[in-house]
Amino acid sequence: MKIKLRGASKETKKFQRFKPTGGHFGVFGLNTLQEDSKVVVITEGEFDAMAVYQATHIPAISLPNGASNLPVQLIKLLEGLDRIYLWMDNDEIG
């Protein structure tokens, strides 16, 4: 099992760690994407993915390491979709 630790405040949220280090980390919200899904929202953070799914019931997944990292295993899952929304933060990286 892998755990993502991060600060909750604006000042400390950049200090995140994965325990244990190394290896593969999962994609948060992947369970909201079904075989017949045609639309997905990709967010930078887990909280954003939860909020999108709760408010819209549109499948929403979070990039495990923010906007700078799209896991290769996601590409095949995204190929069959009709529409992909990118919901990035309002910062330089996003």
PDB file of N, CA and C in Angstrom:
ATOM      1  N   MET A   1       0.845  -1.167   0.000  1.00  0.00           N
ATOM      2  CA  MET A   1       0.000   0.000   0.000  1.00  0.00           C
ATOM      3  C   MET A   1       0.891   1.230   0.000  1.00  0.00           C
ATOM      4  N   LYS A   2       0.465   2.258  -0.709  1.00  0.00           N
ATOM      5  CA  LYS A   2       1.208   3.506  -0.795  1.00  0.00           C
ATOM      6  C   LYS A   2       0.381   4.607  -0.160  1.00  0.00           C
ATOM      7  N   ILE A   3       1.054   5.493   0.555  1.00  0.00           N
ATOM      8  CA  ILE A   3       0.385   6.598   1.239  1.00  0.00           C
ATOM      9  C   ILE A   3       0.994   7.905   0.755  1.00  0.00           C
ATOM     10  N   LYS A   4       0.147   8.891   0.485  1.00  0.00           N
ATOM     11  CA  LYS A   4       0.618  10.221   0.115  1.00  0.00           C
ATOM     12  C   LYS A   4       0.386  11.140   1.307  1.00  0.00           C
ATOM     13  N   LEU A   5       1.453  11.726   1.786  1.00  0.00           N
ATOM     14  CA  LEU A   5       1.387  12.659   2.913  1.00  0.00           C
ATOM     15  C   LEU A   5       1.604  14.068   2.378  1.00  0.00           C
ATOM     16  N   ARG A   6       0.778  15.006   2.795  1.00  0.00           N
ATOM     17  CA  ARG A   6       0.963  16.389   2.357  1.00  0.00           C
ATOM     18  C   ARG A   6       0.346  17.327   3.363  1.00  0.00           C
ATOM     19  N   GLY A   7       0.849  18.548   3.363  1.00  0.00           N
ATOM     20  CA  GLY A   7       0.291  19.574   4.229  1.00  0.00           C
ATOM     21  C   GLY A   7      -1.054  20.024   3.711  1.00  0.00           C
ATOM     22  N   ALA A   8      -1.881  20.531   4.591  1.00  0.00           N
ATOM     23  CA  ALA A   8      -3.231  20.954   4.206  1.00  0.00           C
ATOM     24  C   ALA A   8      -3.314  22.442   3.915  1.00  0.00           C
ATOM     25  N   SER A   9      -2.403  23.234   4.443  1.00  0.00           N
ATOM     26  CA  SER A   9      -2.482  24.684   4.232  1.00  0.00           C
ATOM     27  C   SER A   9      -1.795  25.076   2.926  1.00  0.00           C
ATOM     28  N   LYS A  10      -2.076  26.269   2.460  1.00  0.00           N
ATOM     29  CA  LYS A  10      -1.491  26.766   1.215  1.00  0.00           C
ATOM     30  C   LYS A  10       0.042  26.775   1.297  1.00  0.00           C
ATOM     31  N   GLU A  11       0.557  27.108   2.466  1.00  0.00           N
ATOM     32  CA  GLU A  11       2.007  27.198   2.645  1.00  0.00           C
ATOM     33  C   GLU A  11       2.681  25.831   2.720  1.00  0.00           C
ATOM     34  N   THR A  12       1.982  24.828   3.218  1.00  0.00           N
ATOM     35  CA  THR A  12       2.630  23.527   3.441  1.00  0.00           C
ATOM     36  C   THR A  12       2.233  22.440   2.451  1.00  0.00           C
ATOM     37  N   LYS A  13       1.282  22.712   1.565  1.00  0.00           N
ATOM     38  CA  LYS A  13       0.830  21.636   0.677  1.00  0.00           C
ATOM     39  C   LYS A  13       1.895  21.195  -0.311  1.00  0.00           C
ATOM     40  N   LYS A  14       2.898  22.016  -0.552  1.00  0.00           N
ATOM     41  CA  LYS A  14       3.973  21.636  -1.475  1.00  0.00           C
ATOM     42  C   LYS A  14       4.923  20.604  -0.866  1.00  0.00           C
ATOM     43  N   PHE A  15       4.855  20.409   0.446  1.00  0.00           N
ATOM     44  CA  PHE A  15       5.719  19.446   1.120  1.00  0.00           C
ATOM     45  C   PHE A  15       5.021  18.086   1.186  1.00  0.00           C
ATOM     46  N   GLN A  16       5.040  17.388   0.066  1.00  0.00           N
ATOM     47  CA  GLN A  16       4.379  16.093   0.045  1.00  0.00           C
ATOM     48  C   GLN A  16       5.414  14.980  -0.069  1.00  0.00           C
ATOM     49  N   ARG A  17       5.039  13.833   0.445  1.00  0.00           N
ATOM     50  CA  ARG A  17       5.899  12.654   0.404  1.00  0.00           C
ATOM     51  C   ARG A  17       5.035  11.422   0.146  1.00  0.00           C
ATOM     52  N   PHE A  18       5.657  10.445  -0.473  1.00  0.00           N
ATOM     53  CA  PHE A  18       5.010   9.155  -0.673  1.00  0.00           C
ATOM     54  C   PHE A  18       5.712   8.136   0.219  1.00  0.00           C
ATOM     55  N   LYS A  19       4.928   7.336   0.915  1.00  0.00           N
ATOM     56  CA  LYS A  19       5.473   6.290   1.779  1.00  0.00           C
ATOM     57  C   LYS A  19       4.917   4.954   1.325  1.00  0.00           C
ATOM     58  N   PRO A  20       5.671   3.932   1.082  1.00  0.00           N
ATOM     59  CA  PRO A  20       7.123   3.963   0.980  1.00  0.00           C
ATOM     60  C   PRO A  20       7.549   4.674  -0.294  1.00  0.00           C
ATOM     61  N   THR A  21       8.793   5.107  -0.336  1.00  0.00           N
ATOM     62  CA  THR A  21       9.302   5.813  -1.507  1.00  0.00           C
ATOM     63  C   THR A  21       9.520   4.843  -2.650  1.00  0.00           C
ATOM     64  N   GLY A  22       9.537   5.385  -3.866  1.00  0.00           N
ATOM     65  CA  GLY A  22       9.783   4.571  -5.057  1.00  0.00           C
ATOM     66  C   GLY A  22       8.570   3.771  -5.478  1.00  0.00           C
ATOM     67  N   GLY A  23       8.714   3.063  -6.568  1.00  0.00           N
ATOM     68  CA  GLY A  23       7.647   2.202  -7.048  1.00  0.00           C
ATOM     69  C   GLY A  23       6.517   2.950  -7.736  1.00  0.00           C
ATOM     70  N   HIS A  24       5.481   2.225  -8.028  1.00  0.00           N
ATOM     71  CA  HIS A  24       4.314   2.748  -8.752  1.00  0.00           C
ATOM     72  C   HIS A  24       3.314   3.341  -7.766  1.00  0.00           C
ATOM     73  N   PHE A  25       2.750   4.495  -8.096  1.00  0.00           N
ATOM     74  CA  PHE A  25       1.669   5.005  -7.275  1.00  0.00           C
ATOM     75  C   PHE A  25       0.412   5.098  -8.112  1.00  0.00           C
ATOM     76  N   GLY A  26      -0.709   4.831  -7.495  1.00  0.00           N
ATOM     77  CA  GLY A  26      -1.981   4.747  -8.188  1.00  0.00           C
ATOM     78  C   GLY A  26      -2.530   6.096  -8.600  1.00  0.00           C
ATOM     79  N   VAL A  27      -3.615   6.047  -9.339  1.00  0.00           N
ATOM     80  CA  VAL A  27      -4.292   7.248  -9.820  1.00  0.00           C
ATOM     81  C   VAL A  27      -5.567   7.407  -9.007  1.00  0.00           C
ATOM     82  N   PHE A  28      -5.647   8.479  -8.248  1.00  0.00           N
ATOM     83  CA  PHE A  28      -6.803   8.719  -7.398  1.00  0.00           C
ATOM     84  C   PHE A  28      -8.042   8.970  -8.260  1.00  0.00           C
ATOM     85  N   GLY A  29      -9.148   8.318  -7.935  1.00  0.00           N
ATOM     86  CA  GLY A  29     -10.412   8.508  -8.636  1.00  0.00           C
ATOM     87  C   GLY A  29     -10.596   7.605  -9.828  1.00  0.00           C
ATOM     88  N   LEU A  30      -9.630   6.741 -10.085  1.00  0.00           N
ATOM     89  CA  LEU A  30      -9.730   5.849 -11.239  1.00  0.00           C
ATOM     90  C   LEU A  30     -10.990   4.987 -11.168  1.00  0.00           C
ATOM     91  N   ASN A  31     -11.461   4.721  -9.960  1.00  0.00           N
ATOM     92  CA  ASN A  31     -12.680   3.923  -9.777  1.00  0.00           C
ATOM     93  C   ASN A  31     -13.928   4.641 -10.287  1.00  0.00           C
ATOM     94  N   THR A  32     -13.866   5.955 -10.511  1.00  0.00           N
ATOM     95  CA  THR A  32     -15.036   6.676 -11.036  1.00  0.00           C
ATOM     96  C   THR A  32     -15.163   6.519 -12.549  1.00  0.00           C
ATOM     97  N   LEU A  33     -14.091   6.092 -13.200  1.00  0.00           N
ATOM     98  CA  LEU A  33     -14.086   5.900 -14.646  1.00  0.00           C
ATOM     99  C   LEU A  33     -14.545   4.482 -14.961  1.00  0.00           C
ATOM    100  N   GLN A  34     -15.667   4.373 -15.661  1.00  0.00           N
ATOM    101  CA  GLN A  34     -16.239   3.070 -16.013  1.00  0.00           C
ATOM    102  C   GLN A  34     -15.897   2.712 -17.456  1.00  0.00           C
ATOM    103  N   GLU A  35     -16.115   1.459 -17.832  1.00  0.00           N
ATOM    104  CA  GLU A  35     -15.806   1.012 -19.194  1.00  0.00           C
ATOM    105  C   GLU A  35     -16.562   1.806 -20.251  1.00  0.00           C
ATOM    106  N   ASP A  36     -17.794   2.230 -19.944  1.00  0.00           N
ATOM    107  CA  ASP A  36     -18.600   2.952 -20.929  1.00  0.00           C
ATOM    108  C   ASP A  36     -18.508   4.473 -20.780  1.00  0.00           C
ATOM    109  N   SER A  37     -17.607   4.962 -19.945  1.00  0.00           N
ATOM    110  CA  SER A  37     -17.440   6.412 -19.764  1.00  0.00           C
ATOM    111  C   SER A  37     -16.951   7.049 -21.054  1.00  0.00           C
ATOM    112  N   LYS A  38     -17.471   8.221 -21.365  1.00  0.00           N
ATOM    113  CA  LYS A  38     -17.067   8.957 -22.562  1.00  0.00           C
ATOM    114  C   LYS A  38     -16.386  10.284 -22.216  1.00  0.00           C
ATOM    115  N   VAL A  39     -16.473  10.694 -20.945  1.00  0.00           N
ATOM    116  CA  VAL A  39     -15.933  11.976 -20.501  1.00  0.00           C
ATOM    117  C   VAL A  39     -15.185  11.755 -19.201  1.00  0.00           C
ATOM    118  N   VAL A  40     -14.101  12.491 -19.006  1.00  0.00           N
ATOM    119  CA  VAL A  40     -13.378  12.473 -17.735  1.00  0.00           C
ATOM    120  C   VAL A  40     -12.820  13.870 -17.468  1.00  0.00           C
ATOM    121  N   VAL A  41     -12.690  14.200 -16.206  1.00  0.00           N
ATOM    122  CA  VAL A  41     -12.021  15.425 -15.784  1.00  0.00           C
ATOM    123  C   VAL A  41     -10.716  15.007 -15.124  1.00  0.00           C
ATOM    124  N   ILE A  42      -9.603  15.605 -15.559  1.00  0.00           N
ATOM    125  CA  ILE A  42      -8.301  15.340 -14.953  1.00  0.00           C
ATOM    126  C   ILE A  42      -7.918  16.562 -14.130  1.00  0.00           C
ATOM    127  N   THR A  43      -7.631  16.323 -12.856  1.00  0.00           N
ATOM    128  CA  THR A  43      -7.266  17.418 -11.952  1.00  0.00           C
ATOM    129  C   THR A  43      -5.844  17.213 -11.451  1.00  0.00           C
ATOM    130  N   GLU A  44      -5.314  18.260 -10.803  1.00  0.00           N
ATOM    131  CA  GLU A  44      -3.977  18.163 -10.207  1.00  0.00           C
ATOM    132  C   GLU A  44      -4.010  17.516  -8.831  1.00  0.00           C
ATOM    133  N   GLY A  45      -5.098  17.649  -8.121  1.00  0.00           N
ATOM    134  CA  GLY A  45      -5.125  17.161  -6.751  1.00  0.00           C
ATOM    135  C   GLY A  45      -6.328  16.303  -6.442  1.00  0.00           C
ATOM    136  N   GLU A  46      -6.173  15.500  -5.406  1.00  0.00           N
ATOM    137  CA  GLU A  46      -7.232  14.584  -4.989  1.00  0.00           C
ATOM    138  C   GLU A  46      -8.482  15.334  -4.527  1.00  0.00           C
ATOM    139  N   PHE A  47      -8.286  16.430  -3.793  1.00  0.00           N
ATOM    140  CA  PHE A  47      -9.435  17.203  -3.313  1.00  0.00           C
ATOM    141  C   PHE A  47     -10.246  17.760  -4.488  1.00  0.00           C
ATOM    142  N   ASP A  48      -9.549  18.207  -5.533  1.00  0.00           N
ATOM    143  CA  ASP A  48     -10.237  18.719  -6.723  1.00  0.00           C
ATOM    144  C   ASP A  48     -11.034  17.612  -7.407  1.00  0.00           C
ATOM    145  N   ALA A  49     -10.438  16.433  -7.532  1.00  0.00           N
ATOM    146  CA  ALA A  49     -11.141  15.309  -8.172  1.00  0.00           C
ATOM    147  C   ALA A  49     -12.389  14.927  -7.379  1.00  0.00           C
ATOM    148  N   MET A  50     -12.260  14.902  -6.056  1.00  0.00           N
ATOM    149  CA  MET A  50     -13.431  14.580  -5.223  1.00  0.00           C
ATOM    150  C   MET A  50     -14.531  15.609  -5.406  1.00  0.00           C
ATOM    151  N   ALA A  51     -14.161  16.898  -5.436  1.00  0.00           N
ATOM    152  CA  ALA A  51     -15.153  17.969  -5.572  1.00  0.00           C
ATOM    153  C   ALA A  51     -15.855  17.901  -6.924  1.00  0.00           C
ATOM    154  N   VAL A  52     -15.098  17.669  -7.987  1.00  0.00           N
ATOM    155  CA  VAL A  52     -15.694  17.572  -9.329  1.00  0.00           C
ATOM    156  C   VAL A  52     -16.684  16.422  -9.384  1.00  0.00           C
ATOM    157  N   TYR A  53     -16.272  15.262  -8.914  1.00  0.00           N
ATOM    158  CA  TYR A  53     -17.149  14.093  -8.985  1.00  0.00           C
ATOM    159  C   TYR A  53     -18.396  14.278  -8.129  1.00  0.00           C
ATOM    160  N   GLN A  54     -18.219  14.827  -6.947  1.00  0.00           N
ATOM    161  CA  GLN A  54     -19.363  15.025  -6.057  1.00  0.00           C
ATOM    162  C   GLN A  54     -20.358  16.023  -6.637  1.00  0.00           C
ATOM    163  N   ALA A  55     -19.855  17.081  -7.271  1.00  0.00           N
ATOM    164  CA  ALA A  55     -20.738  18.130  -7.791  1.00  0.00           C
ATOM    165  C   ALA A  55     -21.362  17.782  -9.139  1.00  0.00           C
ATOM    166  N   THR A  56     -20.659  16.997  -9.964  1.00  0.00           N
ATOM    167  CA  THR A  56     -21.122  16.778 -11.336  1.00  0.00           C
ATOM    168  C   THR A  56     -21.439  15.328 -11.680  1.00  0.00           C
ATOM    169  N   HIS A  57     -20.942  14.384 -10.905  1.00  0.00           N
ATOM    170  CA  HIS A  57     -21.034  12.949 -11.194  1.00  0.00           C
ATOM    171  C   HIS A  57     -20.327  12.580 -12.495  1.00  0.00           C
ATOM    172  N   ILE A  58     -19.443  13.466 -12.966  1.00  0.00           N
ATOM    173  CA  ILE A  58     -18.575  13.155 -14.101  1.00  0.00           C
ATOM    174  C   ILE A  58     -17.326  12.488 -13.534  1.00  0.00           C
ATOM    175  N   PRO A  59     -16.877  11.377 -14.119  1.00  0.00           N
ATOM    176  CA  PRO A  59     -15.665  10.742 -13.611  1.00  0.00           C
ATOM    177  C   PRO A  59     -14.523  11.754 -13.529  1.00  0.00           C
ATOM    178  N   ALA A  60     -13.793  11.712 -12.414  1.00  0.00           N
ATOM    179  CA  ALA A  60     -12.699  12.653 -12.200  1.00  0.00           C
ATOM    180  C   ALA A  60     -11.519  11.911 -11.584  1.00  0.00           C
ATOM    181  N   ILE A  61     -10.353  12.118 -12.175  1.00  0.00           N
ATOM    182  CA  ILE A  61      -9.131  11.492 -11.669  1.00  0.00           C
ATOM    183  C   ILE A  61      -8.097  12.581 -11.376  1.00  0.00           C
ATOM    184  N   SER A  62      -7.196  12.252 -10.480  1.00  0.00           N
ATOM    185  CA  SER A  62      -6.160  13.190 -10.083  1.00  0.00           C
ATOM    186  C   SER A  62      -4.801  12.667 -10.520  1.00  0.00           C
ATOM    187  N   LEU A  63      -3.988  13.539 -11.078  1.00  0.00           N
ATOM    188  CA  LEU A  63      -2.625  13.158 -11.423  1.00  0.00           C
ATOM    189  C   LEU A  63      -1.847  12.927 -10.130  1.00  0.00           C
ATOM    190  N   PRO A  64      -1.145  11.800 -10.010  1.00  0.00           N
ATOM    191  CA  PRO A  64      -0.518  11.449  -8.735  1.00  0.00           C
ATOM    192  C   PRO A  64       0.556  12.424  -8.275  1.00  0.00           C
ATOM    193  N   ASN A  65       1.193  13.102  -9.211  1.00  0.00           N
ATOM    194  CA  ASN A  65       2.266  14.008  -8.824  1.00  0.00           C
ATOM    195  C   ASN A  65       2.075  15.385  -9.440  1.00  0.00           C
ATOM    196  N   GLY A  66       0.826  15.821  -9.545  1.00  0.00           N
ATOM    197  CA  GLY A  66       0.527  17.152 -10.066  1.00  0.00           C
ATOM    198  C   GLY A  66       0.603  17.248 -11.584  1.00  0.00           C
ATOM    199  N   ALA A  67       0.553  18.485 -12.078  1.00  0.00           N
ATOM    200  CA  ALA A  67       0.465  18.746 -13.513  1.00  0.00           C
ATOM    201  C   ALA A  67       1.708  18.334 -14.281  1.00  0.00           C
ATOM    202  N   SER A  68       2.806  18.132 -13.605  1.00  0.00           N
ATOM    203  CA  SER A  68       4.057  17.819 -14.294  1.00  0.00           C
ATOM    204  C   SER A  68       4.222  16.337 -14.612  1.00  0.00           C
ATOM    205  N   ASN A  69       3.217  15.514 -14.314  1.00  0.00           N
ATOM    206  CA  ASN A  69       3.407  14.083 -14.480  1.00  0.00           C
ATOM    207  C   ASN A  69       2.113  13.399 -14.906  1.00  0.00           C
ATOM    208  N   LEU A  70       2.088  12.903 -16.145  1.00  0.00           N
ATOM    209  CA  LEU A  70       0.970  12.087 -16.630  1.00  0.00           C
ATOM    210  C   LEU A  70       1.460  10.645 -16.717  1.00  0.00           C
ATOM    211  N   PRO A  71       0.964   9.767 -15.838  1.00  0.00           N
ATOM    212  CA  PRO A  71       1.422   8.373 -15.872  1.00  0.00           C
ATOM    213  C   PRO A  71       1.110   7.721 -17.219  1.00  0.00           C
ATOM    214  N   VAL A  72       2.088   7.007 -17.752  1.00  0.00           N
ATOM    215  CA  VAL A  72       1.960   6.358 -19.058  1.00  0.00           C
ATOM    216  C   VAL A  72       0.767   5.410 -19.101  1.00  0.00           C
ATOM    217  N   GLN A  73       0.490   4.724 -17.992  1.00  0.00           N
ATOM    218  CA  GLN A  73      -0.608   3.753 -17.984  1.00  0.00           C
ATOM    219  C   GLN A  73      -1.965   4.418 -18.195  1.00  0.00           C
ATOM    220  N   LEU A  74      -2.063   5.718 -17.995  1.00  0.00           N
ATOM    221  CA  LEU A  74      -3.336   6.428 -18.206  1.00  0.00           C
ATOM    222  C   LEU A  74      -3.642   6.650 -19.680  1.00  0.00           C
ATOM    223  N   ILE A  75      -2.637   6.756 -20.507  1.00  0.00           N
ATOM    224  CA  ILE A  75      -2.845   7.104 -21.915  1.00  0.00           C
ATOM    225  C   ILE A  75      -3.786   6.119 -22.595  1.00  0.00           C
ATOM    226  N   LYS A  76      -3.570   4.840 -22.386  1.00  0.00           N
ATOM    227  CA  LYS A  76      -4.434   3.826 -23.007  1.00  0.00           C
ATOM    228  C   LYS A  76      -5.883   3.970 -22.524  1.00  0.00           C
ATOM    229  N   LEU A  77      -6.081   4.269 -21.249  1.00  0.00           N
ATOM    230  CA  LEU A  77      -7.441   4.457 -20.717  1.00  0.00           C
ATOM    231  C   LEU A  77      -8.123   5.690 -21.304  1.00  0.00           C
ATOM    232  N   LEU A  78      -7.350   6.714 -21.628  1.00  0.00           N
ATOM    233  CA  LEU A  78      -7.923   7.960 -22.129  1.00  0.00           C
ATOM    234  C   LEU A  78      -8.238   7.915 -23.626  1.00  0.00           C
ATOM    235  N   GLU A  79      -7.624   7.002 -24.351  1.00  0.00           N
ATOM    236  CA  GLU A  79      -7.803   6.935 -25.807  1.00  0.00           C
ATOM    237  C   GLU A  79      -9.247   6.717 -26.236  1.00  0.00           C
ATOM    238  N   GLY A  80     -10.040   5.982 -25.474  1.00  0.00           N
ATOM    239  CA  GLY A  80     -11.412   5.668 -25.869  1.00  0.00           C
ATOM    240  C   GLY A  80     -12.438   6.717 -25.473  1.00  0.00           C
ATOM    241  N   LEU A  81     -11.999   7.801 -24.853  1.00  0.00           N
ATOM    242  CA  LEU A  81     -12.935   8.824 -24.397  1.00  0.00           C
ATOM    243  C   LEU A  81     -13.228   9.836 -25.491  1.00  0.00           C
ATOM    244  N   ASP A  82     -14.415  10.426 -25.457  1.00  0.00           N
ATOM    245  CA  ASP A  82     -14.792  11.458 -26.416  1.00  0.00           C
ATOM    246  C   ASP A  82     -14.311  12.838 -25.986  1.00  0.00           C
ATOM    247  N   ARG A  83     -14.243  13.060 -24.662  1.00  0.00           N
ATOM    248  CA  ARG A  83     -13.888  14.383 -24.159  1.00  0.00           C
ATOM    249  C   ARG A  83     -13.085  14.245 -22.869  1.00  0.00           C
ATOM    250  N   ILE A  84     -12.003  15.035 -22.784  1.00  0.00           N
ATOM    251  CA  ILE A  84     -11.157  15.071 -21.592  1.00  0.00           C
ATOM    252  C   ILE A  84     -11.037  16.531 -21.162  1.00  0.00           C
ATOM    253  N   TYR A  85     -11.491  16.806 -19.950  1.00  0.00           N
ATOM    254  CA  TYR A  85     -11.367  18.155 -19.395  1.00  0.00           C
ATOM    255  C   TYR A  85     -10.144  18.198 -18.491  1.00  0.00           C
ATOM    256  N   LEU A  86      -9.314  19.208 -18.666  1.00  0.00           N
ATOM    257  CA  LEU A  86      -8.164  19.416 -17.798  1.00  0.00           C
ATOM    258  C   LEU A  86      -8.510  20.519 -16.815  1.00  0.00           C
ATOM    259  N   TRP A  87      -8.531  20.194 -15.535  1.00  0.00           N
ATOM    260  CA  TRP A  87      -8.895  21.133 -14.489  1.00  0.00           C
ATOM    261  C   TRP A  87      -7.646  21.353 -13.633  1.00  0.00           C
ATOM    262  N   MET A  88      -6.806  22.281 -14.083  1.00  0.00           N
ATOM    263  CA  MET A  88      -5.543  22.532 -13.408  1.00  0.00           C
ATOM    264  C   MET A  88      -5.677  23.725 -12.450  1.00  0.00           C
ATOM    265  N   ASP A  89      -4.725  23.832 -11.549  1.00  0.00           N
ATOM    266  CA  ASP A  89      -4.706  24.940 -10.597  1.00  0.00           C
ATOM    267  C   ASP A  89      -4.362  26.241 -11.325  1.00  0.00           C
ATOM    268  N   ASN A  90      -4.682  27.349 -10.707  1.00  0.00           N
ATOM    269  CA  ASN A  90      -4.391  28.660 -11.271  1.00  0.00           C
ATOM    270  C   ASN A  90      -3.010  29.110 -10.775  1.00  0.00           C
ATOM    271  N   ASP A  91      -1.981  28.344 -11.208  1.00  0.00           N
ATOM    272  CA  ASP A  91      -0.620  28.698 -10.866  1.00  0.00           C
ATOM    273  C   ASP A  91       0.263  28.463 -12.103  1.00  0.00           C
ATOM    274  N   GLU A  92       1.546  28.733 -11.979  1.00  0.00           N
ATOM    275  CA  GLU A  92       2.441  28.624 -13.117  1.00  0.00           C
ATOM    276  C   GLU A  92       2.470  27.215 -13.708  1.00  0.00           C
ATOM    277  N   ILE A  93       2.561  26.228 -12.863  1.00  0.00           N
ATOM    278  CA  ILE A  93       2.618  24.840 -13.340  1.00  0.00           C
ATOM    279  C   ILE A  93       1.290  24.439 -13.981  1.00  0.00           C
ATOM    280  N   GLY A  94       0.182  24.796 -13.343  1.00  0.00           N
ATOM    281  CA  GLY A  94      -1.136  24.460 -13.862  1.00  0.00           C
ATOM    282  C   GLY A  94      -1.426  25.149 -15.161  1.00  0.00           C
TER     283      GLY A  94
END
